Structures are given as C-alpha cells and as structure tokens.
Amino acid sequence: MTTNAAGGPTIGDLGEFGLIDQVRAQIGHNRHVLLGPGDDAAHISSNDGTYLVTTDLLVEGRHFRRDWSGPEDIGRKAAACNLSDINAMGGVATALTVGFGAPADLPASWALEMIRGFEAECAHVGAHIVGGDVTASDKIIIAVTALGDAARPVLRSGAMPGDVVAYAGQLGLAAAGFATLSRGFRSPKLAVEAHRAPHPPYAAGPQAASAGATSMTDVSDGLVADLGHIADASSVAIDLDSTAFVIAPPVATVGEALGTDPLRFVLNGGDDYALVATFSSETVLPQGWTRIGTVADGSGVTVDGTTYETAGHQHFR
C-alpha cells in the first residue's frame, strides 16, 4: 500500500468502490434520499413524486480516443452509458445535463457533432438535453447527469437463493472491438462499431421490472465483475453456465485471430451495456432475456462452479 503526504491510503489503494464506500459513510443520508450511492442510480423523492438520477464521467484517452472514434460516436457513447444506468434500475431516462471540458483549439464543429450524437442516442428513449456547463480543459472531458422515472426501481440487493440469472443485449462485442482497435485493426466492423457506440437494450429494463426482476445492473465493467456487485449487495452466490452463452461471430473471429478464448470477452468485457438480472425461478423471462445461471446461498461469482479470473475494468488499477 502506498501512502500520501497525510499518511493515509491513496485512491489507487482504495479503488473505485472502496472510495465510494468511504464517501457514503461521510455524506450520510437525508429524508429525500430513498436510495443513495451504490446502485446504478439514486432514487430521490420530491414534492410531486420521485425520480432517478445518475452521473458518469468520460475522459479522453481513458474512455475514448479521437483517432478511434468520431465526435458523433463519442456523443452517443457518453449518452448511452448514462441512459443505461436508468435502464438498469428498470426506468426510462427523461432528461440529461452535459458538462463539457475541451481545449480552446478544438473546432466548434466537433462539439456540435458530438451533441448530434447525444440527440440521436437520447431519441431511443425520448430523453432530452436540458442544460449543462462548458469549461476549458487540456483534454476533452464529458460529464453527464441523467434523470429518469421508474414505476418500480430494481436494486442490486434483491437477489435470493433459488433465483435464476439472465441477461439481455450484447456481451463481448465491444471488448472484442477494443482488442481489435488496440492492435491497429478496423475489422470485424461490427465489433469495432460496438466499441465506438454501444447499443443498450433500452426496452429490457422496464420489461424486467414489470416481470418482477429481483435485482438488476448493467454490464459496464464486465459480466463477472458486475454480477459480483449483485452478489455482494444481496449476500448470495451466483454461478454461471458457460454453455448458456451464444458467442457472436465477430467475437469468435477476434478470439481466433488473437488466440484468446472468446468467452473471456463475454465474461470480462464491458462497454456493451447489456443488462443482467435475477428473477424468481417461476418467472417467465421477458422476450429477449436469456437464462445463464443460478443464485444460491454463499458469496461471490463462479463459472461452472469454479472461481473465474475477473479482469473487468477497474478504475485506478
């Protein structure tokens, strides 16, 4: 463990979720907060009802590269990762605010094309940009806050032993695209495009909530890693069946070309913003949802009964 000038642990030592835990302890709670930090979105009460709110930050060189993605794709991705958080609560996003930091010499046309990407992605759910802020920065930084509604917010903490695990959307395609771009290639096109601009299953979140999903999250850091958050929050064990996954042809192609098991892209890859949820074993899964595992007493996530090496995305690592 490293120490800072004050003698305590660094953010790198704590990691993203260790830092969030300490922030939660420090900020406390109030009567308007129905659900605070720790899920995909917070649930807040107001005089005329309740709403969901979530924030994500995208930094050039870490979350996107201008030599890999155009401004419209970057705008779509920045919108999608926030709209997906509302979706993961079983809700529908209604409004976004956008904070935008950029170098002074960035062409204005780049920023306007990025906003066109935002508008195109928001159109999938009927959301709208309602404000934000602009500032100078050495690199492009995009901070988005999304607001939305949910008839029944679905948390990460409701999974029960005996439930089944299912997912909706794509898995592994964006990770295969990232691996492709990292090696200087631009094909297979479907994988590369999935990394540049994901396609979250926006209808699947409200469907799962209506069907009685007991827990849910989106897959942003990797399936095994994100299911680990459900397992921890629900104090259960989750086991995945590796034979239940259908490997998309572009994922298989990239795996073969790189000598990598394509299942690793599916289990450890993020950025597709698929949804993964748990349901009672008696529930008829909504259309588009595929069963991939089970929930039991215990802790952690396994694949075919065996601990799986988790290499999902980790900030500060």
Protein backbone atom coordinates (compact mmCIF):
# COMPACT_ATOMS: atom_id res chain seq x y z
CA MET A 1 0.00 0.00 0.00
CA THR A 2 1.22 3.46 -0.89
CA THR A 3 0.67 6.45 1.35
CA ASN A 4 0.12 10.09 0.58
CA ALA A 5 1.59 13.12 2.33
CA ALA A 6 -1.09 12.81 5.02
CA GLY A 7 -0.01 9.24 5.74
CA GLY A 8 -3.22 7.52 4.64
CA PRO A 9 -4.07 5.25 1.70
CA THR A 10 -4.30 6.67 -1.81
CA ILE A 11 -7.32 6.47 -4.09
CA GLY A 12 -5.43 3.81 -6.01
CA ASP A 13 -5.21 1.70 -2.86
CA LEU A 14 -8.94 2.04 -2.17
CA GLY A 15 -10.13 1.56 -5.74
CA GLU A 16 -13.40 2.95 -7.12
CA PHE A 17 -15.74 1.06 -4.83
CA GLY A 18 -13.58 1.36 -1.73
CA LEU A 19 -13.59 5.13 -2.24
CA ILE A 20 -17.37 5.14 -2.78
CA ASP A 21 -17.84 3.23 0.48
CA GLN A 22 -15.88 5.87 2.39
CA VAL A 23 -17.75 8.69 0.66
CA ARG A 24 -21.09 7.08 1.59
CA ALA A 25 -20.05 6.91 5.22
CA GLN A 26 -19.04 10.57 5.21
CA ILE A 27 -22.03 12.13 3.43
CA GLY A 28 -24.72 10.34 5.43
CA HIS A 29 -28.39 10.40 4.44
CA ASN A 30 -31.46 12.64 4.46
CA ARG A 31 -35.21 12.25 4.13
CA HIS A 32 -35.27 12.97 0.38
CA VAL A 33 -32.86 10.10 -0.42
CA LEU A 34 -34.79 6.88 -0.92
CA LEU A 35 -31.69 5.18 -2.33
CA GLY A 36 -28.23 6.73 -2.23
CA PRO A 37 -24.84 5.78 -3.72
CA GLY A 38 -24.14 2.14 -4.51
CA ASP A 39 -26.63 1.22 -7.23
CA ASP A 40 -26.77 2.19 -10.90
CA ALA A 41 -28.78 5.31 -9.99
CA ALA A 42 -30.02 7.10 -6.89
CA HIS A 43 -33.74 7.30 -6.10
CA ILE A 44 -34.87 10.69 -4.82
CA SER A 45 -38.21 11.95 -3.52
CA SER A 46 -39.71 15.31 -4.45
CA ASN A 47 -42.89 17.19 -3.64
CA ASP A 48 -44.65 15.78 -6.69
CA GLY A 49 -43.18 12.27 -6.80
CA THR A 50 -39.81 10.55 -7.16
CA TYR A 51 -37.07 10.41 -9.76
CA LEU A 52 -33.86 8.53 -10.60
CA VAL A 53 -30.54 10.34 -11.05
CA THR A 54 -27.11 9.14 -12.18
CA THR A 55 -23.80 10.71 -13.30
CA ASP A 56 -20.94 9.41 -15.45
CA LEU A 57 -17.66 10.98 -16.47
CA LEU A 58 -15.81 10.23 -19.72
CA VAL A 59 -12.19 11.33 -20.09
CA GLU A 60 -10.30 11.45 -23.37
CA GLY A 61 -7.57 8.82 -23.53
CA ARG A 62 -9.27 6.61 -20.96
CA HIS A 63 -12.85 6.18 -22.13
CA PHE A 64 -12.45 7.20 -25.77
CA ARG A 65 -9.81 8.14 -28.32
CA ARG A 66 -10.38 10.64 -31.11
CA ASP A 67 -8.26 8.58 -33.52
CA TRP A 68 -10.61 5.62 -32.95
CA SER A 69 -13.99 7.32 -32.70
CA GLY A 70 -15.63 10.32 -34.33
CA PRO A 71 -17.42 13.00 -32.31
CA GLU A 72 -20.90 11.65 -33.06
CA ASP A 73 -19.91 8.17 -31.81
CA ILE A 74 -18.38 9.71 -28.68
CA GLY A 75 -21.58 11.64 -28.02
CA ARG A 76 -23.67 8.51 -28.47
CA LYS A 77 -21.43 6.58 -26.09
CA ALA A 78 -21.49 9.33 -23.44
CA ALA A 79 -25.28 9.41 -23.59
CA ALA A 80 -25.66 5.62 -23.70
CA CYS A 81 -23.69 4.89 -20.54
CA ASN A 82 -25.97 7.24 -18.59
CA LEU A 83 -29.25 6.19 -20.22
CA SER A 84 -28.19 2.61 -19.45
CA ASP A 85 -27.88 3.34 -15.72
CA ILE A 86 -31.51 4.46 -15.64
CA ASN A 87 -32.45 1.42 -17.72
CA ALA A 88 -30.65 -0.81 -15.22
CA MET A 89 -32.98 0.43 -12.48
CA GLY A 90 -35.99 -0.57 -14.57
CA GLY A 91 -36.61 3.05 -15.55
CA VAL A 92 -36.66 5.33 -18.58
CA ALA A 93 -34.44 8.42 -18.81
CA THR A 94 -36.20 11.73 -19.47
CA ALA A 95 -33.51 14.45 -19.26
CA LEU A 96 -29.74 14.91 -19.37
CA THR A 97 -27.36 17.69 -18.41
CA VAL A 98 -23.92 17.75 -20.02
CA GLY A 99 -20.69 19.19 -18.63
CA PHE A 100 -18.10 19.65 -21.39
CA GLY A 101 -14.43 20.48 -20.96
CA ALA A 102 -12.23 20.94 -24.04
CA PRO A 103 -9.06 22.63 -25.33
CA ALA A 104 -9.63 26.09 -26.79
CA ASP A 105 -8.36 24.98 -30.20
CA LEU A 106 -10.94 22.20 -30.58
CA PRO A 107 -13.10 23.00 -33.65
CA ALA A 108 -16.61 24.09 -32.65
CA SER A 109 -17.91 21.72 -35.34
CA TRP A 110 -16.51 18.79 -33.31
CA ALA A 111 -18.56 19.77 -30.25
CA LEU A 112 -21.72 20.27 -32.31
CA GLU A 113 -21.31 16.89 -34.00
CA MET A 114 -20.84 15.30 -30.55
CA ILE A 115 -24.16 16.84 -29.46
CA ARG A 116 -25.81 15.38 -32.55
CA GLY A 117 -24.64 12.01 -31.26
CA PHE A 118 -26.22 12.78 -27.89
CA GLU A 119 -29.50 13.72 -29.54
CA ALA A 120 -29.53 10.57 -31.68
CA GLU A 121 -28.98 8.32 -28.66
CA CYS A 122 -31.49 10.18 -26.46
CA ALA A 123 -34.11 9.74 -29.18
CA HIS A 124 -34.17 5.99 -28.43
CA VAL A 125 -35.84 6.67 -25.08
CA GLY A 126 -37.38 10.10 -25.63
CA ALA A 127 -34.89 11.93 -23.38
CA HIS A 128 -33.67 15.49 -23.96
CA ILE A 129 -30.63 17.61 -23.07
CA VAL A 130 -31.84 20.35 -20.72
CA GLY A 131 -28.63 22.15 -19.71
CA GLY A 132 -25.04 21.79 -18.58
CA ASP A 133 -21.75 23.67 -18.45
CA VAL A 134 -18.71 24.35 -20.65
CA THR A 135 -15.15 24.97 -19.49
CA ALA A 136 -11.58 24.96 -20.78
CA SER A 137 -9.58 21.75 -20.28
CA ASP A 138 -6.32 20.26 -21.50
CA LYS A 139 -8.22 17.25 -22.83
CA ILE A 140 -11.85 16.53 -23.62
CA ILE A 141 -13.93 15.66 -20.55
CA ILE A 142 -17.64 14.85 -20.77
CA ALA A 143 -19.70 14.72 -17.56
CA VAL A 144 -23.32 13.64 -17.92
CA THR A 145 -26.14 13.55 -15.40
CA ALA A 146 -29.30 11.68 -16.38
CA LEU A 147 -32.72 11.91 -14.74
CA GLY A 148 -35.50 9.38 -15.19
CA ASP A 149 -38.60 7.67 -13.89
CA ALA A 150 -39.30 4.10 -12.80
CA ALA A 151 -42.57 2.59 -11.66
CA ARG A 152 -40.58 0.11 -9.54
CA PRO A 153 -36.83 0.72 -9.22
CA VAL A 154 -34.92 -2.58 -9.27
CA LEU A 155 -31.89 -2.63 -6.95
CA ARG A 156 -28.77 -4.78 -6.85
CA SER A 157 -29.66 -6.06 -3.40
CA GLY A 158 -32.76 -8.17 -4.04
CA ALA A 159 -31.39 -11.45 -5.43
CA MET A 160 -32.49 -14.53 -3.48
CA PRO A 161 -31.23 -18.14 -3.35
CA GLY A 162 -33.17 -20.13 -5.92
CA ASP A 163 -33.40 -17.22 -8.40
CA VAL A 164 -32.19 -17.57 -11.96
CA VAL A 165 -29.74 -15.20 -13.68
CA ALA A 166 -30.48 -13.84 -17.17
CA TYR A 167 -29.19 -11.16 -19.50
CA ALA A 168 -30.47 -9.01 -22.35
CA GLY A 169 -28.42 -7.26 -25.02
CA GLN A 170 -24.94 -7.92 -26.36
CA LEU A 171 -22.00 -9.38 -24.46
CA GLY A 172 -18.37 -9.35 -25.56
CA LEU A 173 -18.77 -7.39 -28.78
CA ALA A 174 -17.38 -4.06 -27.51
CA ALA A 175 -14.49 -5.81 -25.74
CA ALA A 176 -13.62 -7.62 -28.98
CA GLY A 177 -13.76 -4.27 -30.77
CA PHE A 178 -11.42 -2.69 -28.21
CA ALA A 179 -8.97 -5.59 -28.64
CA THR A 180 -9.14 -5.14 -32.40
CA LEU A 181 -8.53 -1.38 -32.31
CA SER A 182 -5.72 -1.81 -29.76
CA ARG A 183 -3.82 -3.89 -32.31
CA GLY A 184 -4.27 -1.36 -35.11
CA PHE A 185 -7.05 -3.16 -37.00
CA ARG A 186 -10.52 -1.95 -38.03
CA SER A 187 -12.24 -5.27 -38.65
CA PRO A 188 -14.54 -7.06 -37.87
CA LYS A 189 -16.62 -3.94 -38.35
CA LEU A 190 -19.47 -4.95 -36.02
CA ALA A 191 -17.10 -5.37 -33.10
CA VAL A 192 -15.31 -2.08 -33.75
CA GLU A 193 -18.60 -0.20 -34.09
CA ALA A 194 -19.85 -1.74 -30.83
CA HIS A 195 -16.85 -0.28 -29.01
CA ARG A 196 -17.30 3.12 -30.62
CA ALA A 197 -21.03 3.39 -29.89
CA PRO A 198 -22.83 0.74 -27.79
CA HIS A 199 -26.45 -0.29 -28.24
CA PRO A 200 -28.02 -0.84 -24.81
CA PRO A 201 -31.29 -2.83 -24.75
CA TYR A 202 -33.40 0.12 -23.63
CA ALA A 203 -36.71 -1.74 -23.62
CA ALA A 204 -35.35 -4.57 -21.48
CA GLY A 205 -35.04 -2.67 -18.18
CA PRO A 206 -38.70 -1.73 -17.80
CA GLN A 207 -39.67 -5.20 -19.11
CA ALA A 208 -37.59 -6.87 -16.41
CA ALA A 209 -39.05 -4.63 -13.71
CA SER A 210 -42.60 -5.42 -14.86
CA ALA A 211 -41.77 -9.13 -14.87
CA GLY A 212 -40.65 -8.94 -11.22
CA ALA A 213 -36.85 -8.92 -11.54
CA THR A 214 -35.40 -9.25 -8.03
CA SER A 215 -32.11 -7.46 -8.85
CA MET A 216 -30.51 -5.87 -11.89
CA THR A 217 -27.47 -3.96 -13.12
CA ASP A 218 -25.91 -3.05 -16.45
CA VAL A 219 -22.71 -4.62 -17.72
CA SER A 220 -20.28 -1.71 -17.95
CA ASP A 221 -17.16 -3.18 -16.30
CA GLY A 222 -17.57 -6.86 -17.22
CA LEU A 223 -20.26 -9.50 -16.61
CA VAL A 224 -18.49 -11.36 -13.80
CA ALA A 225 -17.38 -8.13 -12.13
CA ASP A 226 -20.82 -6.52 -12.32
CA LEU A 227 -22.58 -9.67 -11.13
CA GLY A 228 -20.14 -9.54 -8.23
CA HIS A 229 -21.83 -6.29 -7.16
CA ILE A 230 -25.21 -8.04 -7.12
CA ALA A 231 -23.75 -10.99 -5.19
CA ASP A 232 -22.18 -8.65 -2.62
CA ALA A 233 -25.23 -6.39 -2.26
CA SER A 234 -27.61 -9.38 -1.98
CA SER A 235 -25.29 -11.57 0.14
CA VAL A 236 -25.68 -14.52 -2.25
CA ALA A 237 -23.57 -16.71 -4.52
CA ILE A 238 -24.02 -16.67 -8.29
CA ASP A 239 -22.93 -19.44 -10.66
CA LEU A 240 -22.86 -19.00 -14.44
CA ASP A 241 -23.23 -21.77 -17.03
CA SER A 242 -20.63 -21.23 -19.74
CA THR A 243 -22.64 -23.32 -22.23
CA ALA A 244 -25.59 -20.92 -22.00
CA PHE A 245 -23.81 -18.14 -23.91
CA VAL A 246 -24.11 -17.76 -27.67
CA ILE A 247 -20.83 -16.30 -28.91
CA ALA A 248 -21.43 -13.67 -31.61
CA PRO A 249 -19.49 -14.46 -34.82
CA PRO A 250 -17.34 -11.26 -34.66
CA VAL A 251 -16.36 -12.13 -31.07
CA ALA A 252 -15.38 -15.65 -32.15
CA THR A 253 -13.41 -14.22 -35.09
CA VAL A 254 -11.41 -11.85 -32.88
CA GLY A 255 -10.78 -14.59 -30.32
CA GLU A 256 -9.46 -16.91 -33.01
CA ALA A 257 -7.27 -14.20 -34.54
CA LEU A 258 -5.73 -13.31 -31.17
CA GLY A 259 -5.53 -16.84 -29.79
CA THR A 260 -7.92 -15.90 -27.00
CA ASP A 261 -10.91 -17.83 -25.72
CA PRO A 262 -13.85 -15.67 -26.95
CA LEU A 263 -15.69 -16.47 -23.72
CA ARG A 264 -13.24 -14.13 -21.97
CA PHE A 265 -14.66 -11.21 -23.95
CA VAL A 266 -18.16 -12.24 -22.87
CA LEU A 267 -17.34 -12.72 -19.18
CA ASN A 268 -14.81 -9.92 -18.66
CA GLY A 269 -15.68 -7.36 -21.32
CA GLY A 270 -17.74 -4.26 -20.56
CA ASP A 271 -18.99 -1.30 -22.60
CA ASP A 272 -21.80 -3.20 -24.36
CA TYR A 273 -24.17 -2.03 -21.60
CA ALA A 274 -26.17 -5.23 -21.64
CA LEU A 275 -28.44 -5.82 -18.65
CA VAL A 276 -28.09 -8.72 -16.23
CA ALA A 277 -30.80 -9.51 -13.71
CA THR A 278 -32.13 -12.15 -11.37
CA PHE A 279 -35.67 -13.49 -11.41
CA SER A 280 -37.68 -15.97 -9.39
CA SER A 281 -37.32 -19.45 -10.91
CA GLU A 282 -41.09 -19.39 -11.51
CA THR A 283 -40.94 -16.23 -13.64
CA VAL A 284 -41.41 -16.49 -17.39
CA LEU A 285 -38.49 -14.45 -18.70
CA PRO A 286 -39.43 -11.50 -20.92
CA GLN A 287 -38.70 -11.77 -24.61
CA GLY A 288 -35.03 -11.11 -25.34
CA TRP A 289 -33.78 -12.33 -21.97
CA THR A 290 -31.54 -15.43 -21.85
CA ARG A 291 -31.02 -17.58 -18.75
CA ILE A 292 -27.32 -18.00 -17.92
CA GLY A 293 -27.04 -19.03 -14.28
CA THR A 294 -28.45 -19.54 -10.81
CA VAL A 295 -28.39 -17.92 -7.38
CA ALA A 296 -27.61 -19.85 -4.19
CA ASP A 297 -26.57 -19.35 -0.59
CA GLY A 298 -22.97 -18.21 -0.20
CA SER A 299 -20.93 -15.44 -1.75
CA GLY A 300 -19.10 -14.49 -4.92
CA VAL A 301 -19.45 -15.40 -8.58
CA THR A 302 -18.33 -18.66 -10.17
CA VAL A 303 -18.43 -20.06 -13.70
CA ASP A 304 -19.34 -23.75 -13.99
CA GLY A 305 -18.81 -24.00 -10.24
CA THR A 306 -15.25 -22.68 -10.42
CA THR A 307 -13.80 -19.30 -9.45
CA TYR A 308 -13.17 -17.29 -12.60
CA GLU A 309 -10.31 -14.86 -13.04
CA THR A 310 -12.03 -11.47 -13.04
CA ALA A 311 -10.38 -8.90 -15.27
CA GLY A 312 -13.22 -6.47 -15.69
CA HIS A 313 -12.44 -2.76 -15.83
CA GLN A 314 -11.19 -1.27 -12.58
CA HIS A 315 -10.58 2.45 -12.17
CA PHE A 316 -7.21 3.41 -10.59
CA ARG A 317 -5.77 -0.05 -11.32
